[in-house]
Amino acid sequence: MTVRLKDFYADWCGPCKTQDPILEELEADYPDVSFEKVDVDDEQEIANQYQVRSLPTLIVENDDGVVDRFVGVTQREDIESALKQAGA
């Protein structure tokens, strides 16, 4: 099963910069998970598809669909729990 984490962000978003180091650590620890950064300024259609209204927004999904969604800076433990729930 494919597990993906979509990170919806913008370059001007301060909290997004706070979230980045946490995601970089997780990416190193979970090589089988696809980490996808989505710049909402460049990819508005995708952001609208996922109904992103605030930044950062993290969406964990697998082949069955969205498993979990986080809005705002999210702690590593919460993201890790969602990744495991998704099958990582």
N, C-alpha and C. Protein backbone atom coordinates (compact mmCIF):
# COMPACT_ATOMS: atom_id res chain seq x y z
N MET A 1 0.84 -1.18 0.00
CA MET A 1 0.00 0.00 0.00
C MET A 1 0.89 1.25 0.00
N THR A 2 0.53 2.18 -0.82
CA THR A 2 1.28 3.43 -0.91
C THR A 2 0.76 4.43 0.13
N VAL A 3 1.68 4.98 0.92
CA VAL A 3 1.33 6.00 1.90
C VAL A 3 1.96 7.32 1.46
N ARG A 4 1.14 8.38 1.45
CA ARG A 4 1.60 9.69 1.03
C ARG A 4 1.30 10.71 2.12
N LEU A 5 2.20 11.67 2.26
CA LEU A 5 1.95 12.83 3.11
C LEU A 5 2.06 14.06 2.23
N LYS A 6 0.96 14.76 2.08
CA LYS A 6 0.95 15.99 1.29
C LYS A 6 1.08 17.17 2.27
N ASP A 7 2.09 17.99 2.02
CA ASP A 7 2.37 19.17 2.84
C ASP A 7 1.97 20.40 2.04
N PHE A 8 0.83 21.00 2.39
CA PHE A 8 0.38 22.21 1.72
C PHE A 8 0.99 23.40 2.45
N TYR A 9 1.75 24.21 1.70
CA TYR A 9 2.52 25.30 2.30
C TYR A 9 2.59 26.48 1.33
N ALA A 10 3.19 27.57 1.82
CA ALA A 10 3.53 28.73 0.97
C ALA A 10 4.85 29.29 1.49
N ASP A 11 5.62 29.86 0.59
CA ASP A 11 6.92 30.41 0.98
C ASP A 11 6.80 31.53 2.01
N TRP A 12 5.70 32.26 1.99
CA TRP A 12 5.51 33.39 2.89
C TRP A 12 4.94 32.97 4.25
N CYS A 13 4.67 31.69 4.45
CA CYS A 13 4.00 31.19 5.64
C CYS A 13 5.01 30.85 6.75
N GLY A 14 5.02 31.65 7.83
CA GLY A 14 5.93 31.42 8.94
C GLY A 14 5.75 30.06 9.62
N PRO A 15 4.51 29.69 9.97
CA PRO A 15 4.31 28.37 10.59
C PRO A 15 4.76 27.22 9.70
N CYS A 16 4.69 27.40 8.38
CA CYS A 16 5.15 26.36 7.47
C CYS A 16 6.65 26.12 7.65
N LYS A 17 7.39 27.19 7.86
CA LYS A 17 8.83 27.07 8.08
C LYS A 17 9.13 26.35 9.40
N THR A 18 8.26 26.53 10.39
CA THR A 18 8.39 25.82 11.66
C THR A 18 8.13 24.33 11.46
N GLN A 19 7.20 24.00 10.57
CA GLN A 19 6.83 22.60 10.32
C GLN A 19 7.91 21.84 9.56
N ASP A 20 8.66 22.53 8.71
CA ASP A 20 9.62 21.89 7.80
C ASP A 20 10.61 20.94 8.49
N PRO A 21 11.29 21.34 9.58
CA PRO A 21 12.27 20.42 10.19
C PRO A 21 11.65 19.11 10.68
N ILE A 22 10.42 19.19 11.17
CA ILE A 22 9.72 17.99 11.64
C ILE A 22 9.48 17.05 10.46
N LEU A 23 9.03 17.60 9.34
CA LEU A 23 8.76 16.78 8.16
C LEU A 23 10.05 16.20 7.58
N GLU A 24 11.13 16.97 7.63
CA GLU A 24 12.42 16.47 7.13
C GLU A 24 12.89 15.28 7.95
N GLU A 25 12.72 15.33 9.27
CA GLU A 25 13.08 14.19 10.13
C GLU A 25 12.24 12.97 9.78
N LEU A 26 10.94 13.17 9.64
CA LEU A 26 10.05 12.06 9.32
C LEU A 26 10.38 11.45 7.96
N GLU A 27 10.71 12.31 7.01
CA GLU A 27 11.05 11.82 5.67
C GLU A 27 12.28 10.92 5.72
N ALA A 28 13.24 11.27 6.57
CA ALA A 28 14.45 10.45 6.72
C ALA A 28 14.12 9.12 7.40
N ASP A 29 13.17 9.14 8.35
CA ASP A 29 12.83 7.95 9.12
C ASP A 29 11.82 7.03 8.41
N TYR A 30 11.11 7.56 7.44
CA TYR A 30 10.09 6.78 6.72
C TYR A 30 10.36 6.83 5.21
N PRO A 31 11.38 6.12 4.75
CA PRO A 31 11.74 6.19 3.32
C PRO A 31 10.68 5.62 2.39
N ASP A 32 9.78 4.79 2.91
CA ASP A 32 8.74 4.20 2.05
C ASP A 32 7.53 5.10 1.88
N VAL A 33 7.48 6.21 2.63
CA VAL A 33 6.37 7.15 2.51
C VAL A 33 6.73 8.21 1.48
N SER A 34 5.77 8.53 0.63
CA SER A 34 5.97 9.59 -0.36
C SER A 34 5.60 10.94 0.26
N PHE A 35 6.60 11.79 0.44
CA PHE A 35 6.38 13.13 0.99
C PHE A 35 6.27 14.10 -0.19
N GLU A 36 5.12 14.78 -0.29
CA GLU A 36 4.87 15.68 -1.41
C GLU A 36 4.60 17.09 -0.89
N LYS A 37 5.40 18.04 -1.33
CA LYS A 37 5.19 19.44 -0.96
C LYS A 37 4.33 20.08 -2.03
N VAL A 38 3.27 20.76 -1.60
CA VAL A 38 2.36 21.41 -2.52
C VAL A 38 2.32 22.90 -2.19
N ASP A 39 2.92 23.72 -3.04
CA ASP A 39 2.91 25.17 -2.86
C ASP A 39 1.54 25.68 -3.30
N VAL A 40 0.75 26.17 -2.35
CA VAL A 40 -0.62 26.57 -2.68
C VAL A 40 -0.67 27.75 -3.64
N ASP A 41 0.38 28.54 -3.70
CA ASP A 41 0.41 29.65 -4.66
C ASP A 41 0.56 29.15 -6.09
N ASP A 42 1.27 28.04 -6.26
CA ASP A 42 1.49 27.48 -7.59
C ASP A 42 0.47 26.40 -7.95
N GLU A 43 -0.09 25.75 -6.94
CA GLU A 43 -0.97 24.59 -7.16
C GLU A 43 -2.34 24.82 -6.53
N GLN A 44 -2.98 25.93 -6.88
CA GLN A 44 -4.27 26.27 -6.27
C GLN A 44 -5.35 25.23 -6.55
N GLU A 45 -5.29 24.61 -7.72
CA GLU A 45 -6.30 23.62 -8.07
C GLU A 45 -6.24 22.41 -7.12
N ILE A 46 -5.02 21.96 -6.81
CA ILE A 46 -4.86 20.82 -5.89
C ILE A 46 -5.29 21.23 -4.48
N ALA A 47 -4.91 22.44 -4.07
CA ALA A 47 -5.31 22.93 -2.75
C ALA A 47 -6.84 22.99 -2.65
N ASN A 48 -7.50 23.43 -3.70
CA ASN A 48 -8.96 23.49 -3.70
C ASN A 48 -9.57 22.09 -3.66
N GLN A 49 -8.96 21.17 -4.38
CA GLN A 49 -9.44 19.79 -4.41
C GLN A 49 -9.45 19.19 -3.00
N TYR A 50 -8.42 19.52 -2.20
CA TYR A 50 -8.31 19.02 -0.84
C TYR A 50 -8.93 19.98 0.18
N GLN A 51 -9.58 21.03 -0.30
CA GLN A 51 -10.25 22.02 0.55
C GLN A 51 -9.32 22.61 1.61
N VAL A 52 -8.12 22.99 1.17
CA VAL A 52 -7.14 23.61 2.06
C VAL A 52 -7.51 25.07 2.26
N ARG A 53 -7.73 25.46 3.53
CA ARG A 53 -8.12 26.83 3.85
C ARG A 53 -7.09 27.54 4.73
N SER A 54 -6.25 26.77 5.43
CA SER A 54 -5.24 27.33 6.33
C SER A 54 -3.93 26.61 6.10
N LEU A 55 -2.84 27.30 6.47
CA LEU A 55 -1.51 26.72 6.29
C LEU A 55 -0.78 26.67 7.62
N PRO A 56 0.09 25.69 7.79
CA PRO A 56 0.24 24.53 6.93
C PRO A 56 -0.91 23.54 7.13
N THR A 57 -1.21 22.80 6.08
CA THR A 57 -2.14 21.68 6.16
C THR A 57 -1.39 20.44 5.70
N LEU A 58 -1.48 19.39 6.51
CA LEU A 58 -0.85 18.11 6.18
C LEU A 58 -1.96 17.10 5.98
N ILE A 59 -1.86 16.33 4.90
CA ILE A 59 -2.84 15.29 4.63
C ILE A 59 -2.09 13.97 4.46
N VAL A 60 -2.48 12.99 5.27
CA VAL A 60 -1.91 11.65 5.17
C VAL A 60 -2.95 10.79 4.46
N GLU A 61 -2.51 10.13 3.39
CA GLU A 61 -3.44 9.29 2.64
C GLU A 61 -2.75 8.01 2.19
N ASN A 62 -3.58 7.03 1.90
CA ASN A 62 -3.08 5.79 1.32
C ASN A 62 -3.98 5.44 0.14
N ASP A 63 -3.88 4.21 -0.34
CA ASP A 63 -4.64 3.83 -1.53
C ASP A 63 -6.15 3.89 -1.31
N ASP A 64 -6.57 3.85 -0.05
CA ASP A 64 -8.00 3.90 0.28
C ASP A 64 -8.53 5.33 0.40
N GLY A 65 -7.63 6.32 0.45
CA GLY A 65 -8.05 7.72 0.57
C GLY A 65 -7.39 8.41 1.74
N VAL A 66 -7.98 9.52 2.17
CA VAL A 66 -7.42 10.33 3.24
C VAL A 66 -7.59 9.59 4.58
N VAL A 67 -6.48 9.46 5.30
CA VAL A 67 -6.48 8.80 6.61
C VAL A 67 -6.57 9.84 7.73
N ASP A 68 -5.84 10.94 7.56
CA ASP A 68 -5.85 11.98 8.58
C ASP A 68 -5.48 13.31 7.96
N ARG A 69 -5.85 14.37 8.66
CA ARG A 69 -5.61 15.74 8.18
C ARG A 69 -5.25 16.60 9.38
N PHE A 70 -4.21 17.41 9.22
CA PHE A 70 -3.76 18.29 10.29
C PHE A 70 -3.69 19.71 9.76
N VAL A 71 -4.17 20.67 10.55
CA VAL A 71 -4.12 22.08 10.18
C VAL A 71 -3.33 22.81 11.26
N GLY A 72 -2.32 23.57 10.83
CA GLY A 72 -1.44 24.25 11.76
C GLY A 72 -0.21 23.40 12.02
N VAL A 73 0.74 23.96 12.76
CA VAL A 73 1.97 23.23 13.07
C VAL A 73 1.60 22.00 13.89
N THR A 74 2.06 20.85 13.44
CA THR A 74 1.69 19.57 14.05
C THR A 74 2.94 18.87 14.57
N GLN A 75 2.82 18.30 15.76
CA GLN A 75 3.95 17.62 16.39
C GLN A 75 4.25 16.30 15.70
N ARG A 76 5.50 15.92 15.76
CA ARG A 76 5.99 14.70 15.12
C ARG A 76 5.16 13.48 15.54
N GLU A 77 4.87 13.34 16.82
CA GLU A 77 4.17 12.16 17.33
C GLU A 77 2.80 12.00 16.67
N ASP A 78 2.10 13.10 16.46
CA ASP A 78 0.78 13.04 15.84
C ASP A 78 0.87 12.62 14.38
N ILE A 79 1.84 13.16 13.67
CA ILE A 79 2.02 12.80 12.26
C ILE A 79 2.44 11.34 12.15
N GLU A 80 3.36 10.94 13.03
CA GLU A 80 3.85 9.56 13.01
C GLU A 80 2.72 8.57 13.27
N SER A 81 1.85 8.90 14.17
CA SER A 81 0.69 8.04 14.47
C SER A 81 -0.20 7.89 13.23
N ALA A 82 -0.43 8.98 12.52
CA ALA A 82 -1.24 8.94 11.30
C ALA A 82 -0.55 8.12 10.21
N LEU A 83 0.77 8.25 10.09
CA LEU A 83 1.50 7.48 9.08
C LEU A 83 1.38 5.98 9.37
N LYS A 84 1.49 5.61 10.62
CA LYS A 84 1.37 4.20 11.00
C LYS A 84 -0.05 3.70 10.75
N GLN A 85 -1.03 4.53 11.06
CA GLN A 85 -2.43 4.18 10.82
C GLN A 85 -2.68 3.96 9.32
N ALA A 86 -1.98 4.73 8.49
CA ALA A 86 -2.14 4.62 7.04
C ALA A 86 -1.42 3.40 6.46
N GLY A 87 -0.55 2.78 7.28
CA GLY A 87 0.13 1.58 6.81
C GLY A 87 1.61 1.73 6.60
N ALA A 88 2.20 2.83 7.08
CA ALA A 88 3.65 3.03 6.93
C ALA A 88 4.42 2.19 7.92
